[in-house]
């Protein structure tokens, strides 16, 4: 299995090259040369998440690691989950269930993909006798999951940029209270887009790296994160109906990585009815699926901050694979002038959307209402991101056939202020979240300056 860029000029890459490179040299995103097919009958005989992962991950890794190496790595990859099955399913009614993806150490779904990526990062670095810097920007949970996944590996130093503003105190403290010599949290006086721009410049210039260092991407452009998420879609389908009938998945999303992982699982053989793309007021994806309008707009701060993103990075993969039918020249043309100019597909291309996708945009008022209604109807507390996904289902439920799994991407205890403002009460707080309130914050405050941040990395990259 080799990999290539959505834009066509970077190809014949091994799994290890894709892992360590992150973004393709031509600015595109890496894709597998073919969609490997999962042995569905074998999956049906399995029980645990790790056993399911062992059927999926090696399909992508053979160009760099033996199957035995990968299977051994997977035995020790996912750590500190509070539930043995990792991804519990909570039934709401006869047609709707919640897929709980918040039982990892940072209480968010990103533990799945980032723990897998970190384990492979470390394996590759040890093999090559090199070290690496992880540099990322976060609007919510990516930073804490990256820090937690990477901090146990001495080969990796993490520098995470936090924008001032819209994230909960516990989300911030999960990153700023980590006392580890290889973790550096920077509170940047700017927006998420300011932080993301600095990260993009860093990957272009790499001026702060030592000669024997890699710069690693931990956001969802890294294909290995997608692999980790593909695993829980197959696992959820197995636990729901033994992969006998196609399901709907309602996915709260900003950067589209979680949606694309669902699409990838479908391409690999998972039965699927519809993917419901659920977004907040930052609705570039809903505008595309409903009106063929993929244009950047100013980011609005909402009650679901992990989805406050103006451009959905992983959407490029769908444009390439689904709409352009793997014609990289078409995809390259789309992105030549984006985001200065919007992307509008030809009608016959865009109309393919209805075969697989639905979308809905949920404002803050409806988000709070969904939280209250879910608790009143089912005695079940949800976080605001999950509320966006539930509200989307409730609004278009008559258009959905069969059962729907709603992805719960974060524990409600990560948003205590929002829970309180909704006149709801937290009955359970994971210990990992309680602990951060008693720890000292250690973040460094910085302006949104590429030069100053690069200089900080150099001084701490000893």
Protein backbone atom coordinates (compact mmCIF):
# COMPACT_ATOMS: atom_id res chain seq x y z
CA UNK A 1 0.00 0.00 0.00
CA UNK A 2 1.46 3.34 -1.12
CA UNK A 3 0.03 6.85 -0.85
CA UNK A 4 -0.32 9.93 -3.04
CA UNK A 5 -1.45 13.55 -2.82
CA UNK A 6 -4.90 14.81 -3.67
CA UNK A 7 -3.18 17.35 -5.93
CA UNK A 8 -1.17 14.83 -7.93
CA UNK A 9 2.44 15.95 -7.61
CA UNK A 10 3.51 13.94 -4.56
CA UNK A 11 3.10 10.17 -4.91
CA UNK A 12 4.58 6.71 -4.30
CA UNK A 13 4.93 7.48 -0.61
CA UNK A 14 5.24 4.75 2.01
CA UNK A 15 3.16 4.65 5.16
CA UNK A 16 6.12 5.87 7.20
CA UNK A 17 6.72 8.81 4.87
CA UNK A 18 3.05 9.82 5.08
CA UNK A 19 3.14 9.44 8.86
CA UNK A 20 6.19 11.67 9.30
CA UNK A 21 5.47 14.17 6.52
CA UNK A 22 1.82 14.97 7.32
CA UNK A 23 1.06 17.42 4.53
CA UNK A 24 2.00 16.50 0.96
CA UNK A 25 4.80 18.48 -0.72
CA UNK A 26 2.37 20.00 -3.23
CA UNK A 27 0.06 21.28 -0.48
CA UNK A 28 -2.44 18.46 -0.84
CA UNK A 29 -3.46 15.70 1.55
CA UNK A 30 -2.31 12.10 1.35
CA UNK A 31 -4.64 9.32 0.27
CA UNK A 32 -4.11 5.55 -0.09
CA UNK A 33 -3.51 4.45 -3.67
CA UNK A 34 -6.49 2.10 -3.35
CA UNK A 35 -9.15 1.53 -0.74
CA UNK A 36 -8.24 -1.70 1.08
CA UNK A 37 -11.20 -3.95 1.81
CA UNK A 38 -11.88 -5.14 5.34
CA UNK A 39 -12.74 -8.80 5.92
CA UNK A 40 -16.27 -8.19 7.22
CA UNK A 41 -16.88 -11.84 8.07
CA UNK A 42 -13.79 -11.89 10.26
CA UNK A 43 -14.82 -8.63 11.97
CA UNK A 44 -18.17 -10.24 12.85
CA UNK A 45 -16.34 -12.86 14.95
CA UNK A 46 -14.51 -10.27 17.07
CA UNK A 47 -15.42 -8.61 20.33
CA UNK A 48 -12.89 -5.97 21.40
CA UNK A 49 -11.97 -2.63 19.86
CA UNK A 50 -8.30 -3.60 19.71
CA UNK A 51 -9.10 -6.82 17.83
CA UNK A 52 -11.10 -4.80 15.30
CA UNK A 53 -8.20 -2.36 14.95
CA UNK A 54 -5.86 -5.26 14.29
CA UNK A 55 -7.94 -6.10 11.20
CA UNK A 56 -7.84 -2.51 9.89
CA UNK A 57 -4.55 -0.79 10.73
CA UNK A 58 -2.22 -3.34 9.04
CA UNK A 59 -4.06 -2.80 5.75
CA UNK A 60 -2.32 0.59 5.52
CA UNK A 61 1.10 -0.09 7.02
CA UNK A 62 2.67 -2.91 4.97
CA UNK A 63 4.98 -0.59 2.99
CA UNK A 64 6.88 0.26 6.19
CA UNK A 65 6.19 -2.25 8.95
CA UNK A 66 5.56 -5.97 9.14
CA UNK A 67 2.15 -7.11 10.33
CA UNK A 68 3.76 -8.62 13.44
CA UNK A 69 5.33 -5.26 14.32
CA UNK A 70 2.01 -3.49 13.95
CA UNK A 71 0.01 -6.05 15.90
CA UNK A 72 2.50 -5.80 18.77
CA UNK A 73 2.31 -2.00 18.70
CA UNK A 74 -1.51 -2.07 18.80
CA UNK A 75 -1.49 -4.10 22.01
CA UNK A 76 -0.01 -1.08 23.80
CA UNK A 77 -1.34 1.88 21.77
CA UNK A 78 -4.62 2.92 23.41
CA UNK A 79 -4.05 3.63 27.09
CA UNK A 80 -5.87 5.03 30.11
CA UNK A 81 -9.41 4.51 28.81
CA UNK A 82 -12.00 4.33 31.58
CA UNK A 83 -14.10 1.68 29.81
CA UNK A 84 -12.82 -1.68 28.67
CA UNK A 85 -14.68 -1.45 25.37
CA UNK A 86 -13.37 2.14 24.78
CA UNK A 87 -16.48 3.22 22.81
CA UNK A 88 -19.72 2.48 24.65
CA UNK A 89 -23.10 2.71 22.91
CA UNK A 90 -26.00 4.24 24.87
CA UNK A 91 -29.44 3.61 23.41
CA UNK A 92 -31.84 6.57 23.52
CA UNK A 93 -34.84 5.06 21.74
CA UNK A 94 -35.70 2.56 19.03
CA UNK A 95 -33.93 4.52 16.28
CA UNK A 96 -31.25 6.65 18.02
CA UNK A 97 -28.18 5.69 20.02
CA UNK A 98 -25.15 7.61 21.29
CA UNK A 99 -21.63 6.43 20.45
CA UNK A 100 -19.58 7.56 23.45
CA UNK A 101 -16.10 8.45 22.25
CA UNK A 102 -15.05 10.33 25.39
CA UNK A 103 -13.73 7.54 27.63
CA UNK A 104 -10.05 8.21 26.85
CA UNK A 105 -7.64 10.12 29.11
CA UNK A 106 -8.55 13.57 27.73
CA UNK A 107 -12.30 12.80 27.56
CA UNK A 108 -12.55 13.47 23.82
CA UNK A 109 -12.68 11.39 20.64
CA UNK A 110 -9.29 12.65 19.50
CA UNK A 111 -7.56 10.22 21.88
CA UNK A 112 -8.28 7.44 19.36
CA UNK A 113 -6.43 8.94 16.40
CA UNK A 114 -3.67 10.75 18.27
CA UNK A 115 -2.65 7.80 20.44
CA UNK A 116 -2.27 5.73 17.28
CA UNK A 117 -0.26 8.45 15.54
CA UNK A 118 2.00 8.99 18.57
CA UNK A 119 2.76 5.27 18.87
CA UNK A 120 3.80 5.13 15.23
CA UNK A 121 5.76 8.41 15.53
CA UNK A 122 7.81 6.95 18.36
CA UNK A 123 8.38 3.63 16.61
CA UNK A 124 9.67 5.37 13.50
CA UNK A 125 11.89 7.81 15.43
CA UNK A 126 13.52 5.04 17.45
CA UNK A 127 14.16 3.06 14.26
CA UNK A 128 15.83 6.06 12.64
CA UNK A 129 17.57 7.28 15.82
CA UNK A 130 15.99 10.73 15.42
CA UNK A 131 13.78 13.08 17.41
CA UNK A 132 10.78 15.20 16.49
CA UNK A 133 8.84 18.33 17.29
CA UNK A 134 5.07 18.26 17.37
CA UNK A 135 3.63 21.68 16.57
CA UNK A 136 -0.10 22.22 16.56
CA UNK A 137 -2.85 24.80 16.99
CA UNK A 138 -6.03 23.92 18.81
CA UNK A 139 -9.51 25.37 19.22
CA UNK A 140 -10.49 22.73 21.73
CA UNK A 141 -9.47 19.12 22.21
CA UNK A 142 -6.68 18.42 19.70
CA UNK A 143 -3.98 19.98 21.84
CA UNK A 144 -4.74 18.09 25.03
CA UNK A 145 -5.04 14.78 23.18
CA UNK A 146 -1.74 15.42 21.34
CA UNK A 147 0.05 16.35 24.55
CA UNK A 148 -1.25 13.30 26.40
CA UNK A 149 -0.46 10.95 23.53
CA UNK A 150 3.08 12.22 22.98
CA UNK A 151 4.31 13.11 26.46
CA UNK A 152 5.27 9.52 27.32
CA UNK A 153 7.77 9.41 24.46
CA UNK A 154 11.15 11.08 25.07
CA UNK A 155 11.74 11.25 21.33
CA UNK A 156 9.02 13.90 20.89
CA UNK A 157 8.73 17.50 22.11
CA UNK A 158 5.29 19.12 21.85
CA UNK A 159 4.63 22.82 21.27
CA UNK A 160 0.90 23.57 21.28
CA UNK A 161 -0.56 26.99 20.42
CA UNK A 162 -3.77 28.01 22.25
CA UNK A 163 -5.64 31.07 21.00
CA UNK A 164 -7.07 33.44 23.58
CA UNK A 165 -10.81 33.17 23.93
CA UNK A 166 -13.34 30.50 23.22
CA UNK A 167 -12.51 27.29 25.03
CA UNK A 168 -13.67 26.10 28.42
CA UNK A 169 -11.46 26.41 31.50
CA UNK A 170 -11.07 22.66 31.82
CA UNK A 171 -10.08 22.34 28.15
CA UNK A 172 -7.44 25.01 28.67
CA UNK A 173 -6.20 23.52 31.94
CA UNK A 174 -5.81 20.09 30.36
CA UNK A 175 -3.03 21.65 28.30
CA UNK A 176 -1.60 24.31 30.60
CA UNK A 177 -1.20 22.13 33.72
CA UNK A 178 0.93 19.38 32.18
CA UNK A 179 4.24 19.19 34.06
CA UNK A 180 6.51 17.41 31.61
CA UNK A 181 9.92 18.48 30.25
CA UNK A 182 8.91 17.70 26.67
CA UNK A 183 5.63 19.69 26.67
CA UNK A 184 5.33 23.44 26.00
CA UNK A 185 1.96 25.18 25.91
CA UNK A 186 1.80 28.67 24.39
CA UNK A 187 -1.18 30.95 25.03
CA UNK A 188 -1.23 33.12 21.93
CA UNK A 189 -2.81 36.57 21.82
CA UNK A 190 -4.84 35.89 18.70
CA UNK A 191 -7.47 33.71 17.07
CA UNK A 192 -7.35 30.05 16.12
CA UNK A 193 -6.78 31.11 12.51
CA UNK A 194 -3.77 33.20 13.64
CA UNK A 195 -2.32 30.15 15.38
CA UNK A 196 -3.08 27.89 12.42
CA UNK A 197 -1.36 30.33 10.04
CA UNK A 198 1.81 30.21 12.18
CA UNK A 199 1.74 26.42 12.15
CA UNK A 200 1.37 26.40 8.36
CA UNK A 201 4.33 28.77 8.03
CA UNK A 202 6.34 26.52 10.33
CA UNK A 203 5.75 23.54 8.08
CA UNK A 204 6.82 25.58 5.06
CA UNK A 205 9.99 27.01 6.62
CA UNK A 206 11.11 24.50 9.32
CA UNK A 207 13.87 26.93 10.29
CA UNK A 208 13.85 25.98 13.98
CA UNK A 209 14.54 22.27 13.47
CA UNK A 210 17.80 20.49 14.17
CA UNK A 211 19.38 18.58 11.30
CA UNK A 212 18.18 15.22 12.63
CA UNK A 213 14.62 16.28 13.53
CA UNK A 214 11.19 15.80 12.05
CA UNK A 215 8.33 18.27 12.31
CA UNK A 216 5.17 16.27 12.91
CA UNK A 217 1.56 17.16 12.09
CA UNK A 218 -0.98 16.17 14.73
CA UNK A 219 -4.08 17.78 13.30
CA UNK A 220 -6.45 15.68 11.25
CA UNK A 221 -4.57 16.19 7.99
CA UNK A 222 -2.35 13.33 9.19
CA UNK A 223 -3.68 10.17 7.59
CA UNK A 224 -2.82 8.03 10.63
CA UNK A 225 -5.36 9.93 12.73
CA UNK A 226 -8.00 9.02 10.16
CA UNK A 227 -7.04 5.34 10.47
CA UNK A 228 -7.65 5.42 14.22
CA UNK A 229 -11.11 6.86 13.64
CA UNK A 230 -11.97 4.35 10.91
CA UNK A 231 -11.51 1.67 13.55
CA UNK A 232 -14.27 2.93 15.82
CA UNK A 233 -16.78 3.18 12.98
CA UNK A 234 -16.33 -0.52 12.23
CA UNK A 235 -16.40 -1.31 15.93
CA UNK A 236 -19.61 0.67 16.46
CA UNK A 237 -21.28 -1.05 13.51
CA UNK A 238 -20.23 -4.42 14.90
CA UNK A 239 -21.65 -3.67 18.33
CA UNK A 240 -24.86 -2.16 16.96
CA UNK A 241 -26.00 -4.87 14.56
CA UNK A 242 -22.99 -7.07 13.70
CA UNK A 243 -22.57 -5.10 10.44
CA UNK A 244 -25.77 -6.64 9.07
CA UNK A 245 -27.64 -3.44 8.18
CA UNK A 246 -26.46 0.00 7.06
CA UNK A 247 -26.55 2.71 9.72
CA UNK A 248 -26.80 6.48 9.68
CA UNK A 249 -24.07 8.40 11.50
CA UNK A 250 -24.65 11.93 12.77
CA UNK A 251 -21.23 13.53 13.12
CA UNK A 252 -20.59 16.92 14.77
CA UNK A 253 -17.71 18.36 12.79
CA UNK A 254 -15.54 21.33 12.03
CA UNK A 255 -12.44 20.12 10.20
CA UNK A 256 -14.27 17.17 8.55
CA UNK A 257 -11.77 14.53 9.68
CA UNK A 258 -14.36 12.55 11.64
CA UNK A 259 -16.77 12.65 8.70
CA UNK A 260 -14.08 11.56 6.28
CA UNK A 261 -13.17 8.65 8.54
CA UNK A 262 -16.80 7.50 8.32
CA UNK A 263 -16.70 7.84 4.53
CA UNK A 264 -13.41 5.88 4.50
CA UNK A 265 -14.95 3.06 6.52
CA UNK A 266 -17.78 2.94 3.97
CA UNK A 267 -15.26 2.73 1.11
CA UNK A 268 -13.58 -0.14 2.95
CA UNK A 269 -16.78 -2.16 3.21
CA UNK A 270 -18.73 -0.90 6.23
CA UNK A 271 -22.50 -0.84 5.55
CA UNK A 272 -23.67 2.78 5.50
CA UNK A 273 -26.91 4.57 4.79
CA UNK A 274 -26.29 8.30 5.31
CA UNK A 275 -23.71 10.54 6.94
CA UNK A 276 -25.35 13.54 8.60
CA UNK A 277 -22.83 16.39 8.68
CA UNK A 278 -23.81 18.43 11.76
CA UNK A 279 -22.27 21.89 12.18
CA UNK A 280 -22.78 25.00 14.28
CA UNK A 281 -23.03 28.59 13.01
CA UNK A 282 -19.67 28.11 11.29
CA UNK A 283 -21.50 26.46 8.46
CA UNK A 284 -19.19 26.21 5.44
CA UNK A 285 -19.97 22.49 5.18
CA UNK A 286 -23.74 22.92 5.44
CA UNK A 287 -23.61 25.66 2.81
CA UNK A 288 -21.79 23.28 0.51
CA UNK A 289 -24.08 20.28 0.97
CA UNK A 290 -27.25 22.36 0.76
CA UNK A 291 -26.31 25.09 -1.75
CA UNK A 292 -23.03 24.08 -3.45
CA UNK A 293 -21.33 27.02 -1.74
CA UNK A 294 -17.90 26.22 -0.29
CA UNK A 295 -16.66 29.70 0.64
CA UNK A 296 -14.74 30.94 3.62
CA UNK A 297 -16.49 33.24 6.09
CA UNK A 298 -15.48 34.87 9.36
CA UNK A 299 -15.36 32.49 12.34
CA UNK A 300 -18.10 32.94 14.93
CA UNK A 301 -17.55 31.93 18.55
CA UNK A 302 -20.16 29.40 19.63
CA UNK A 303 -20.99 27.07 22.51
CA UNK A 304 -19.35 24.22 20.54
CA UNK A 305 -15.83 25.67 20.18
CA UNK A 306 -14.13 22.61 18.68
CA UNK A 307 -16.23 23.24 15.58
CA UNK A 308 -15.45 26.96 15.28
CA UNK A 309 -13.44 26.63 12.08
CA UNK A 310 -13.75 28.57 8.83
CA UNK A 311 -12.23 25.97 6.47
CA UNK A 312 -12.69 22.20 6.81
CA UNK A 313 -9.21 20.91 5.96
CA UNK A 314 -10.19 17.28 5.37
CA UNK A 315 -12.93 18.23 2.93
CA UNK A 316 -10.25 18.26 0.24
CA UNK A 317 -10.04 14.48 0.53
CA UNK A 318 -13.76 14.13 -0.20
CA UNK A 319 -13.59 16.53 -3.15
CA UNK A 320 -10.79 14.42 -4.57
CA UNK A 321 -12.14 10.93 -3.94
CA UNK A 322 -15.93 11.30 -4.12
CA UNK A 323 -16.68 14.29 -6.32
CA UNK A 324 -13.61 14.35 -8.61
CA UNK A 325 -13.42 10.55 -8.75
CA UNK A 326 -9.69 10.70 -7.98
CA UNK A 327 -8.81 13.14 -10.75
CA UNK A 328 -6.04 15.13 -9.05
CA UNK A 329 -6.00 17.80 -11.76
CA UNK A 330 -9.60 18.72 -10.89
CA UNK A 331 -8.80 18.84 -7.18
CA UNK A 332 -5.68 20.90 -7.79
CA UNK A 333 -7.70 23.38 -9.82
CA UNK A 334 -10.26 23.69 -7.02
CA UNK A 335 -7.59 24.70 -4.51
CA UNK A 336 -5.46 26.89 -6.76
CA UNK A 337 -7.35 30.04 -5.76
CA UNK A 338 -9.14 28.88 -2.62
CA UNK A 339 -9.92 30.41 -0.13
CA UNK A 340 -9.70 33.73 -2.01
CA UNK A 341 -12.25 32.33 -4.45
CA UNK A 342 -15.01 29.88 -3.42
CA UNK A 343 -15.29 26.31 -4.67
CA UNK A 344 -18.47 25.63 -6.63
CA UNK A 345 -18.85 22.26 -8.28
CA UNK A 346 -20.48 21.55 -11.59
CA UNK A 347 -24.11 20.59 -10.98
CA UNK A 348 -23.71 16.93 -11.96
CA UNK A 349 -20.80 16.56 -9.52
CA UNK A 350 -22.48 18.32 -6.61
CA UNK A 351 -25.73 16.38 -7.00
CA UNK A 352 -23.88 13.20 -6.03
CA UNK A 353 -24.04 14.54 -2.46
CA UNK A 354 -27.58 13.30 -1.90
CA UNK A 355 -26.47 9.68 -2.41
CA UNK A 356 -24.52 9.66 0.82
CA UNK A 357 -24.64 12.99 2.67
CA UNK A 358 -27.09 15.19 4.54
CA UNK A 359 -26.26 18.29 6.56
CA UNK A 360 -27.72 20.64 9.14
CA UNK A 361 -26.55 23.81 10.91
CA UNK A 362 -27.45 24.35 14.57
CA UNK A 363 -27.27 27.69 16.38
CA UNK A 364 -26.46 28.19 20.08
CA UNK A 365 -30.09 28.55 21.16
CA UNK A 366 -30.97 25.21 19.55
CA UNK A 367 -27.82 23.64 21.01
CA UNK A 368 -28.91 24.46 24.56
CA UNK A 369 -32.46 23.36 23.81
CA UNK A 370 -31.15 19.99 22.55
CA UNK A 371 -29.13 19.54 25.74
CA UNK A 372 -32.20 20.24 27.87
CA UNK A 373 -34.54 18.12 25.76
CA UNK A 374 -32.16 15.15 25.74
CA UNK A 375 -31.87 15.24 29.51
CA UNK A 376 -35.62 15.64 29.98
CA UNK A 377 -36.51 12.84 27.56
CA UNK A 378 -33.75 10.31 28.26
CA UNK A 379 -32.14 11.35 31.58
CA UNK A 380 -28.89 11.60 29.62
CA UNK A 381 -26.49 14.55 29.79
CA UNK A 382 -24.63 15.61 26.64
CA UNK A 383 -22.00 18.20 25.78
CA UNK A 384 -22.74 21.01 23.28
CA UNK A 385 -21.01 19.28 20.34
CA UNK A 386 -23.09 16.16 20.81
CA UNK A 387 -26.13 18.42 21.11
CA UNK A 388 -25.44 19.78 17.63
CA UNK A 389 -25.46 16.21 16.28
CA UNK A 390 -28.65 15.27 18.13
CA UNK A 391 -30.48 18.40 17.05
CA UNK A 392 -29.51 17.73 13.43
CA UNK A 393 -31.05 14.25 13.68
CA UNK A 394 -34.23 15.52 15.30
CA UNK A 395 -34.72 18.19 12.65
CA UNK A 396 -34.41 15.88 9.65
CA UNK A 397 -35.38 12.57 11.24
CA UNK A 398 -38.21 11.97 8.76
CA UNK A 399 -35.61 11.83 5.99
CA UNK A 400 -33.50 9.19 7.72
CA UNK A 401 -34.18 5.51 7.20
CA UNK A 402 -33.09 2.93 9.76
CA UNK A 403 -31.09 3.41 12.95
CA UNK A 404 -28.80 6.34 13.63
CA UNK A 405 -25.65 6.49 15.73
CA UNK A 406 -24.94 9.97 17.10
CA UNK A 407 -21.27 10.59 17.81
CA UNK A 408 -20.59 12.02 21.24
CA UNK A 409 -17.15 13.50 20.82
CA UNK A 410 -16.53 14.97 24.30
CA UNK A 411 -17.59 14.36 27.88
CA UNK A 412 -20.08 17.00 29.13
CA UNK A 413 -17.80 17.69 32.11
CA UNK A 414 -15.43 19.49 29.73
CA UNK A 415 -18.05 22.28 29.52
CA UNK A 416 -19.26 22.88 33.11
CA UNK A 417 -20.12 26.55 32.52
CA UNK A 418 -22.38 25.69 29.57
CA UNK A 419 -24.00 22.84 31.52
CA UNK A 420 -24.69 25.21 34.42
CA UNK A 421 -26.07 27.96 32.15
CA UNK A 422 -28.46 25.39 30.67
CA UNK A 423 -29.81 24.72 34.19
CA UNK A 424 -28.41 21.20 34.06
CA UNK A 425 -26.18 19.45 36.56
CA UNK A 426 -23.10 17.28 36.20
CA UNK A 427 -23.55 14.06 38.15
CA UNK A 428 -20.24 12.53 37.09
CA UNK A 429 -16.86 14.12 36.41
CA UNK A 430 -13.96 11.94 35.23
CA UNK A 431 -11.02 12.02 37.64
CA UNK A 432 -8.66 13.24 34.93
CA UNK A 433 -10.82 16.36 34.52
CA UNK A 434 -11.20 16.94 38.27
CA UNK A 435 -7.46 16.78 38.80
CA UNK A 436 -6.62 19.68 36.46
CA UNK A 437 -8.37 22.19 38.75
CA UNK A 438 -5.82 21.45 41.48
CA UNK A 439 -2.73 21.80 39.31
CA UNK A 440 -0.66 24.88 38.52
CA UNK A 441 -0.98 26.37 35.04
CA UNK A 442 2.37 26.57 33.23
CA UNK A 443 1.61 28.16 29.88
CA UNK A 444 3.79 30.84 28.27
CA UNK A 445 1.95 33.91 26.97
CA UNK A 446 3.03 35.01 23.48
CA UNK A 447 1.88 37.45 20.80
CA UNK A 448 0.73 35.99 17.49
CA UNK A 449 4.23 36.43 16.05
CA UNK A 450 5.84 33.77 13.92
CA UNK A 451 9.32 35.09 14.69
CA UNK A 452 8.88 35.14 18.47
CA UNK A 453 7.25 31.71 18.54
CA UNK A 454 9.97 30.20 16.32
CA UNK A 455 12.59 31.75 18.63
CA UNK A 456 10.85 30.23 21.67
CA UNK A 457 10.96 26.79 20.05
CA UNK A 458 14.68 27.15 19.26
CA UNK A 459 15.48 28.11 22.85
CA UNK A 460 13.58 25.11 24.22
CA UNK A 461 14.67 22.63 21.57
CA UNK A 462 17.77 21.49 23.45
